[in-house]
PDB file of N, CA and C in Angstrom:
ATOM      1  N   UNK A   1       0.871  -1.178   0.077  1.00  0.00           N
ATOM      2  CA  UNK A   1       0.167   0.356   0.231  1.00  0.00           C
ATOM      3  C   UNK A   1       0.856   1.006  -0.181  1.00  0.00           C
ATOM      4  N   UNK A   2       0.592   2.590  -0.636  1.00  0.00           N
ATOM      5  CA  UNK A   2       1.481   3.577  -0.890  1.00  0.00           C
ATOM      6  C   UNK A   2       0.740   4.880  -0.373  1.00  0.00           C
ATOM      7  N   UNK A   3       1.004   5.398   0.539  1.00  0.00           N
ATOM      8  CA  UNK A   3       0.048   6.456   1.056  1.00  0.00           C
ATOM      9  C   UNK A   3       1.076   8.071   0.793  1.00  0.00           C
ATOM     10  N   UNK A   4       0.413   9.083   0.852  1.00  0.00           N
ATOM     11  CA  UNK A   4       1.239  10.377   0.759  1.00  0.00           C
ATOM     12  C   UNK A   4       0.954  10.981   1.864  1.00  0.00           C
ATOM     13  N   UNK A   5       1.928  11.534   2.510  1.00  0.00           N
ATOM     14  CA  UNK A   5       1.778  12.202   3.983  1.00  0.00           C
ATOM     15  C   UNK A   5       2.918  13.655   3.605  1.00  0.00           C
ATOM     16  N   UNK A   6       2.069  14.443   4.540  1.00  0.00           N
ATOM     17  CA  UNK A   6       2.631  15.988   4.240  1.00  0.00           C
ATOM     18  C   UNK A   6       4.125  15.936   5.108  1.00  0.00           C
ATOM     19  N   UNK A   7       5.202  16.525   5.058  1.00  0.00           N
ATOM     20  CA  UNK A   7       6.424  16.751   5.625  1.00  0.00           C
ATOM     21  C   UNK A   7       6.189  17.225   7.257  1.00  0.00           C
ATOM     22  N   UNK A   8       5.021  17.916   7.261  1.00  0.00           N
ATOM     23  CA  UNK A   8       5.032  18.035   8.547  1.00  0.00           C
ATOM     24  C   UNK A   8       4.101  17.250   9.682  1.00  0.00           C
ATOM     25  N   UNK A   9       3.425  16.234   8.874  1.00  0.00           N
ATOM     26  CA  UNK A   9       2.651  15.044   9.581  1.00  0.00           C
ATOM     27  C   UNK A   9       3.806  13.632   9.605  1.00  0.00           C
ATOM     28  N   UNK A  10       4.541  14.038   8.642  1.00  0.00           N
ATOM     29  CA  UNK A  10       5.671  12.593   8.628  1.00  0.00           C
ATOM     30  C   UNK A  10       6.554  13.080   9.770  1.00  0.00           C
ATOM     31  N   UNK A  11       6.542  14.309  10.060  1.00  0.00           N
ATOM     32  CA  UNK A  11       7.919  14.557  11.271  1.00  0.00           C
ATOM     33  C   UNK A  11       6.859  14.594  12.785  1.00  0.00           C
ATOM     34  N   UNK A  12       5.666  14.924  12.957  1.00  0.00           N
ATOM     35  CA  UNK A  12       5.069  14.757  13.938  1.00  0.00           C
ATOM     36  C   UNK A  12       4.707  13.294  14.587  1.00  0.00           C
ATOM     37  N   UNK A  13       4.732  12.326  13.454  1.00  0.00           N
ATOM     38  CA  UNK A  13       4.147  11.114  13.629  1.00  0.00           C
ATOM     39  C   UNK A  13       5.165   9.828  12.911  1.00  0.00           C
ATOM     40  N   UNK A  14       6.391  10.356  12.815  1.00  0.00           N
ATOM     41  CA  UNK A  14       7.382   9.920  12.708  1.00  0.00           C
ATOM     42  C   UNK A  14       7.413   8.326  13.268  1.00  0.00           C
ATOM     43  N   UNK A  15       7.117   8.159  14.207  1.00  0.00           N
ATOM     44  CA  UNK A  15       7.335   6.584  15.041  1.00  0.00           C
ATOM     45  C   UNK A  15       6.120   6.123  14.872  1.00  0.00           C
ATOM     46  N   UNK A  16       5.051   6.244  14.326  1.00  0.00           N
ATOM     47  CA  UNK A  16       3.793   5.541  13.651  1.00  0.00           C
ATOM     48  C   UNK A  16       4.311   5.266  12.302  1.00  0.00           C
ATOM     49  N   UNK A  17       4.500   6.253  11.687  1.00  0.00           N
ATOM     50  CA  UNK A  17       4.785   5.736   9.934  1.00  0.00           C
ATOM     51  C   UNK A  17       5.726   4.577  10.034  1.00  0.00           C
ATOM     52  N   UNK A  18       7.147   4.781  10.973  1.00  0.00           N
ATOM     53  CA  UNK A  18       7.958   3.608  10.998  1.00  0.00           C
ATOM     54  C   UNK A  18       7.439   2.475  11.370  1.00  0.00           C
ATOM     55  N   UNK A  19       6.233   2.178  11.922  1.00  0.00           N
ATOM     56  CA  UNK A  19       5.935   1.118  12.409  1.00  0.00           C
ATOM     57  C   UNK A  19       5.039   0.517  10.922  1.00  0.00           C
ATOM     58  N   UNK A  20       4.442   1.525  10.555  1.00  0.00           N
ATOM     59  CA  UNK A  20       3.651   0.968   9.438  1.00  0.00           C
ATOM     60  C   UNK A  20       4.476   0.742   8.221  1.00  0.00           C
ATOM     61  N   UNK A  21       5.697   1.574   7.937  1.00  0.00           N
ATOM     62  CA  UNK A  21       6.655   1.001   7.132  1.00  0.00           C
ATOM     63  C   UNK A  21       7.165  -0.407   7.020  1.00  0.00           C
ATOM     64  N   UNK A  22       7.714  -0.575   8.507  1.00  0.00           N
ATOM     65  CA  UNK A  22       8.127  -1.775   8.673  1.00  0.00           C
ATOM     66  C   UNK A  22       7.149  -3.287   8.691  1.00  0.00           C
ATOM     67  N   UNK A  23       5.435  -2.790   8.915  1.00  0.00           N
ATOM     68  CA  UNK A  23       4.593  -3.583   8.222  1.00  0.00           C
ATOM     69  C   UNK A  23       4.515  -4.068   6.915  1.00  0.00           C
ATOM     70  N   UNK A  24       5.250  -3.317   5.991  1.00  0.00           N
ATOM     71  CA  UNK A  24       4.511  -3.300   4.633  1.00  0.00           C
ATOM     72  C   UNK A  24       4.721  -2.137   3.963  1.00  0.00           C
ATOM     73  N   UNK A  25       4.162  -1.196   4.435  1.00  0.00           N
ATOM     74  CA  UNK A  25       3.381   0.060   3.531  1.00  0.00           C
ATOM     75  C   UNK A  25       4.453   0.819   3.388  1.00  0.00           C
ATOM     76  N   UNK A  26       4.194   1.858   2.343  1.00  0.00           N
ATOM     77  CA  UNK A  26       5.506   2.589   1.952  1.00  0.00           C
ATOM     78  C   UNK A  26       4.690   4.419   1.421  1.00  0.00           C
ATOM     79  N   UNK A  27       5.363   5.093   1.860  1.00  0.00           N
ATOM     80  CA  UNK A  27       5.031   6.720   1.825  1.00  0.00           C
ATOM     81  C   UNK A  27       5.950   7.697   1.082  1.00  0.00           C
ATOM     82  N   UNK A  28       5.230   8.372   0.264  1.00  0.00           N
ATOM     83  CA  UNK A  28       5.957   9.445  -0.398  1.00  0.00           C
ATOM     84  C   UNK A  28       5.634  10.906   0.514  1.00  0.00           C
ATOM     85  N   UNK A  29       6.860  11.193   0.793  1.00  0.00           N
ATOM     86  CA  UNK A  29       6.935  12.515   1.787  1.00  0.00           C
ATOM     87  C   UNK A  29       6.522  13.831   0.597  1.00  0.00           C
ATOM     88  N   UNK A  30       5.664  14.484   1.047  1.00  0.00           N
ATOM     89  CA  UNK A  30       5.463  15.849   0.289  1.00  0.00           C
ATOM     90  C   UNK A  30       5.712  16.889   1.048  1.00  0.00           C
ATOM     91  N   UNK A  31       6.126  17.849   0.075  1.00  0.00           N
ATOM     92  CA  UNK A  31       6.432  19.499   0.702  1.00  0.00           C
ATOM     93  C   UNK A  31       5.542  20.316  -0.124  1.00  0.00           C
ATOM     94  N   UNK A  32       4.341  21.015   0.637  1.00  0.00           N
ATOM     95  CA  UNK A  32       3.437  21.768  -0.211  1.00  0.00           C
ATOM     96  C   UNK A  32       3.152  20.905  -1.096  1.00  0.00           C
ATOM     97  N   UNK A  33       2.566  19.283  -1.217  1.00  0.00           N
ATOM     98  CA  UNK A  33       1.929  18.715  -2.340  1.00  0.00           C
ATOM     99  C   UNK A  33       3.116  18.410  -3.347  1.00  0.00           C
ATOM    100  N   UNK A  34       4.258  18.650  -3.469  1.00  0.00           N
ATOM    101  CA  UNK A  34       5.326  18.315  -4.379  1.00  0.00           C
ATOM    102  C   UNK A  34       6.126  17.030  -3.300  1.00  0.00           C
ATOM    103  N   UNK A  35       6.096  15.830  -4.306  1.00  0.00           N
ATOM    104  CA  UNK A  35       6.790  15.102  -3.688  1.00  0.00           C
ATOM    105  C   UNK A  35       8.209  15.035  -3.607  1.00  0.00           C
ATOM    106  N   UNK A  36       8.765  14.801  -2.137  1.00  0.00           N
ATOM    107  CA  UNK A  36       9.854  15.144  -1.902  1.00  0.00           C
ATOM    108  C   UNK A  36      11.266  13.855  -1.988  1.00  0.00           C
ATOM    109  N   UNK A  37      10.566  12.520  -1.134  1.00  0.00           N
ATOM    110  CA  UNK A  37      11.041  11.349  -0.820  1.00  0.00           C
ATOM    111  C   UNK A  37       9.991  10.139  -0.679  1.00  0.00           C
ATOM    112  N   UNK A  38      10.579   9.148  -0.765  1.00  0.00           N
ATOM    113  CA  UNK A  38       9.914   7.973  -0.557  1.00  0.00           C
ATOM    114  C   UNK A  38      10.257   7.681   0.726  1.00  0.00           C
ATOM    115  N   UNK A  39       9.412   6.723   1.345  1.00  0.00           N
ATOM    116  CA  UNK A  39       9.609   6.209   2.657  1.00  0.00           C
ATOM    117  C   UNK A  39       9.344   4.755   2.278  1.00  0.00           C
ATOM    118  N   UNK A  40      10.204   3.592   1.961  1.00  0.00           N
ATOM    119  CA  UNK A  40       9.743   1.902   1.806  1.00  0.00           C
ATOM    120  C   UNK A  40      10.384   1.138   2.860  1.00  0.00           C
ATOM    121  N   UNK A  41       9.528  -0.014   2.787  1.00  0.00           N
ATOM    122  CA  UNK A  41      10.465  -1.420   3.396  1.00  0.00           C
ATOM    123  C   UNK A  41      11.964  -1.260   3.113  1.00  0.00           C
ATOM    124  N   UNK A  42      13.070  -1.581   4.420  1.00  0.00           N
ATOM    125  CA  UNK A  42      13.981  -1.500   3.722  1.00  0.00           C
ATOM    126  C   UNK A  42      14.198  -3.423   3.231  1.00  0.00           C
ATOM    127  N   UNK A  43      15.549  -3.490   2.210  1.00  0.00           N
ATOM    128  CA  UNK A  43      15.269  -4.695   1.880  1.00  0.00           C
ATOM    129  C   UNK A  43      16.198  -5.751   2.750  1.00  0.00           C
ATOM    130  N   UNK A  44      16.962  -4.870   3.463  1.00  0.00           N
ATOM    131  CA  UNK A  44      17.428  -6.098   4.872  1.00  0.00           C
ATOM    132  C   UNK A  44      16.301  -6.917   5.165  1.00  0.00           C
ATOM    133  N   UNK A  45      15.469  -6.296   5.896  1.00  0.00           N
ATOM    134  CA  UNK A  45      14.476  -7.147   6.325  1.00  0.00           C
ATOM    135  C   UNK A  45      13.953  -8.118   5.713  1.00  0.00           C
ATOM    136  N   UNK A  46      13.642  -7.940   4.330  1.00  0.00           N
ATOM    137  CA  UNK A  46      12.962  -9.189   3.835  1.00  0.00           C
ATOM    138  C   UNK A  46      14.277 -10.173   3.258  1.00  0.00           C
ATOM    139  N   UNK A  47      15.759  -9.757   3.055  1.00  0.00           N
ATOM    140  CA  UNK A  47      16.826 -10.800   3.394  1.00  0.00           C
ATOM    141  C   UNK A  47      16.693 -11.404   4.210  1.00  0.00           C
ATOM    142  N   UNK A  48      16.642 -10.971   5.636  1.00  0.00           N
ATOM    143  CA  UNK A  48      16.806 -11.760   6.925  1.00  0.00           C
ATOM    144  C   UNK A  48      15.641 -12.888   6.953  1.00  0.00           C
ATOM    145  N   UNK A  49      14.301 -11.958   6.480  1.00  0.00           N
ATOM    146  CA  UNK A  49      13.346 -13.183   6.714  1.00  0.00           C
ATOM    147  C   UNK A  49      13.252 -14.388   5.863  1.00  0.00           C
ATOM    148  N   UNK A  50      13.735 -13.872   4.096  1.00  0.00           N
ATOM    149  CA  UNK A  50      14.082 -15.192   3.622  1.00  0.00           C
ATOM    150  C   UNK A  50      15.035 -15.914   3.674  1.00  0.00           C
ATOM    151  N   UNK A  51      16.291 -15.403   4.482  1.00  0.00           N
ATOM    152  CA  UNK A  51      17.400 -16.415   5.326  1.00  0.00           C
ATOM    153  C   UNK A  51      16.671 -17.131   6.140  1.00  0.00           C
ATOM    154  N   UNK A  52      15.801 -16.675   7.197  1.00  0.00           N
ATOM    155  CA  UNK A  52      15.222 -17.581   8.321  1.00  0.00           C
ATOM    156  C   UNK A  52      14.251 -18.737   7.420  1.00  0.00           C
ATOM    157  N   UNK A  53      13.475 -18.150   6.636  1.00  0.00           N
ATOM    158  CA  UNK A  53      13.020 -18.925   6.134  1.00  0.00           C
ATOM    159  C   UNK A  53      13.353 -20.027   5.501  1.00  0.00           C
ATOM    160  N   UNK A  54      14.478 -19.704   4.552  1.00  0.00           N
ATOM    161  CA  UNK A  54      15.270 -20.811   4.018  1.00  0.00           C
ATOM    162  C   UNK A  54      15.824 -21.851   5.070  1.00  0.00           C
ATOM    163  N   UNK A  55      16.640 -21.579   6.028  1.00  0.00           N
ATOM    164  CA  UNK A  55      16.958 -22.252   7.280  1.00  0.00           C
ATOM    165  C   UNK A  55      15.616 -23.028   7.766  1.00  0.00           C
ATOM    166  N   UNK A  56      14.676 -22.385   7.825  1.00  0.00           N
ATOM    167  CA  UNK A  56      13.558 -23.524   8.712  1.00  0.00           C
ATOM    168  C   UNK A  56      13.327 -24.450   7.669  1.00  0.00           C
ATOM    169  N   UNK A  57      13.506 -24.188   6.236  1.00  0.00           N
ATOM    170  CA  UNK A  57      12.835 -25.265   5.460  1.00  0.00           C
ATOM    171  C   UNK A  57      14.049 -26.574   5.578  1.00  0.00           C
ATOM    172  N   UNK A  58      15.195 -25.944   5.247  1.00  0.00           N
ATOM    173  CA  UNK A  58      16.121 -27.083   5.600  1.00  0.00           C
ATOM    174  C   UNK A  58      16.459 -27.666   6.616  1.00  0.00           C
ATOM    175  N   UNK A  59      15.836 -27.390   7.951  1.00  0.00           N
ATOM    176  CA  UNK A  59      15.860 -27.793   9.526  1.00  0.00           C
ATOM    177  C   UNK A  59      14.659 -28.780   9.232  1.00  0.00           C
ATOM    178  N   UNK A  60      13.592 -29.042   8.354  1.00  0.00           N
ATOM    179  CA  UNK A  60      12.471 -29.683   8.451  1.00  0.00           C
ATOM    180  C   UNK A  60      12.913 -30.352   7.583  1.00  0.00           C
ATOM    181  N   UNK A  61      13.818 -30.485   6.552  1.00  0.00           N
ATOM    182  CA  UNK A  61      13.906 -31.814   5.704  1.00  0.00           C
ATOM    183  C   UNK A  61      14.151 -33.169   5.762  1.00  0.00           C
ATOM    184  N   UNK A  62      13.511 -34.105   5.884  1.00  0.00           N
ATOM    185  CA  UNK A  62      13.731 -35.196   6.443  1.00  0.00           C
ATOM    186  C   UNK A  62      14.934 -36.153   6.054  1.00  0.00           C
ATOM    187  N   UNK A  63      15.344 -37.191   6.786  1.00  0.00           N
ATOM    188  CA  UNK A  63      16.282 -37.727   6.387  1.00  0.00           C
ATOM    189  C   UNK A  63      15.926 -38.662   5.281  1.00  0.00           C
ATOM    190  N   UNK A  64      17.036 -39.043   4.529  1.00  0.00           N
ATOM    191  CA  UNK A  64      16.774 -39.889   3.126  1.00  0.00           C
ATOM    192  C   UNK A  64      16.415 -41.052   3.878  1.00  0.00           C
ATOM    193  N   UNK A  65      15.891 -42.217   2.770  1.00  0.00           N
ATOM    194  CA  UNK A  65      15.108 -42.910   3.057  1.00  0.00           C
ATOM    195  C   UNK A  65      16.240 -44.069   2.028  1.00  0.00           C
ATOM    196  N   UNK A  66      16.844 -45.448   2.396  1.00  0.00           N
ATOM    197  CA  UNK A  66      17.602 -45.846   1.374  1.00  0.00           C
ATOM    198  C   UNK A  66      17.014 -46.929   0.728  1.00  0.00           C
ATOM    199  N   UNK A  67      17.623 -47.395  -0.119  1.00  0.00           N
ATOM    200  CA  UNK A  67      16.783 -48.258  -0.969  1.00  0.00           C
ATOM    201  C   UNK A  67      16.450 -49.665  -0.063  1.00  0.00           C
ATOM    202  N   UNK A  68      17.387 -49.963   0.898  1.00  0.00           N
ATOM    203  CA  UNK A  68      17.056 -51.119   1.549  1.00  0.00           C
ATOM    204  C   UNK A  68      15.637 -51.125   2.565  1.00  0.00           C
ATOM    205  N   UNK A  69      15.588 -49.628   3.099  1.00  0.00           N
ATOM    206  CA  UNK A  69      14.467 -49.555   3.800  1.00  0.00           C
ATOM    207  C   UNK A  69      13.163 -49.550   3.137  1.00  0.00           C
ATOM    208  N   UNK A  70      13.327 -49.190   1.750  1.00  0.00           N
ATOM    209  CA  UNK A  70      11.939 -49.061   1.280  1.00  0.00           C
ATOM    210  C   UNK A  70      11.714 -50.500   0.853  1.00  0.00           C
ATOM    211  N   UNK A  71      12.740 -51.120   0.471  1.00  0.00           N
ATOM    212  CA  UNK A  71      12.196 -52.636   0.130  1.00  0.00           C
ATOM    213  C   UNK A  71      11.829 -53.779   1.985  1.00  0.00           C
ATOM    214  N   UNK A  72      12.296 -53.005   2.637  1.00  0.00           N
ATOM    215  CA  UNK A  72      11.928 -53.543   3.789  1.00  0.00           C
ATOM    216  C   UNK A  72      10.312 -52.817   4.153  1.00  0.00           C
ATOM    217  N   UNK A  73       9.828 -51.883   4.039  1.00  0.00           N
ATOM    218  CA  UNK A  73       8.589 -51.178   4.319  1.00  0.00           C
ATOM    219  C   UNK A  73       7.718 -51.751   3.013  1.00  0.00           C
ATOM    220  N   UNK A  74       8.255 -52.040   1.702  1.00  0.00           N
ATOM    221  CA  UNK A  74       7.414 -52.300   1.110  1.00  0.00           C
ATOM    222  C   UNK A  74       7.048 -54.161   1.136  1.00  0.00           C
ATOM    223  N   UNK A  75       7.912 -54.786   1.644  1.00  0.00           N
ATOM    224  CA  UNK A  75       8.006 -55.924   1.978  1.00  0.00           C
ATOM    225  C   UNK A  75       6.797 -56.094   3.211  1.00  0.00           C
ATOM    226  N   UNK A  76       7.014 -55.154   4.385  1.00  0.00           N
ATOM    227  CA  UNK A  76       5.897 -55.110   5.525  1.00  0.00           C
ATOM    228  C   UNK A  76       4.509 -54.879   5.195  1.00  0.00           C
ATOM    229  N   UNK A  77       4.294 -54.383   4.172  1.00  0.00           N
ATOM    230  CA  UNK A  77       2.729 -53.631   3.602  1.00  0.00           C
ATOM    231  C   UNK A  77       2.136 -54.897   2.998  1.00  0.00           C
ATOM    232  N   UNK A  78       2.961 -55.897   2.516  1.00  0.00           N
ATOM    233  CA  UNK A  78       2.572 -56.969   1.823  1.00  0.00           C
ATOM    234  C   UNK A  78       2.096 -57.732   2.442  1.00  0.00           C
ATOM    235  N   UNK A  79       2.466 -58.232   3.900  1.00  0.00           N
ATOM    236  CA  UNK A  79       1.985 -59.317   4.783  1.00  0.00           C
ATOM    237  C   UNK A  79       0.397 -58.999   5.077  1.00  0.00           C
TER     238      UNK A  79
END
């Protein structure tokens, strides 16, 4: 979501705006209606979240099953 906010409001509401940016929103800060700057979420947070997700996926990876184990499981299922 993208929002416009005046420079005075940006200054007075900075903590609230930063919380919203952290949650994924972005803002264009204006001065007398003229766009001056864009405030967007940092890519560093995305990279950290991606690295954590990849690590979690790798940690949940199951132990590989050997051919012998598969043969035993098949044999058990046929009884």
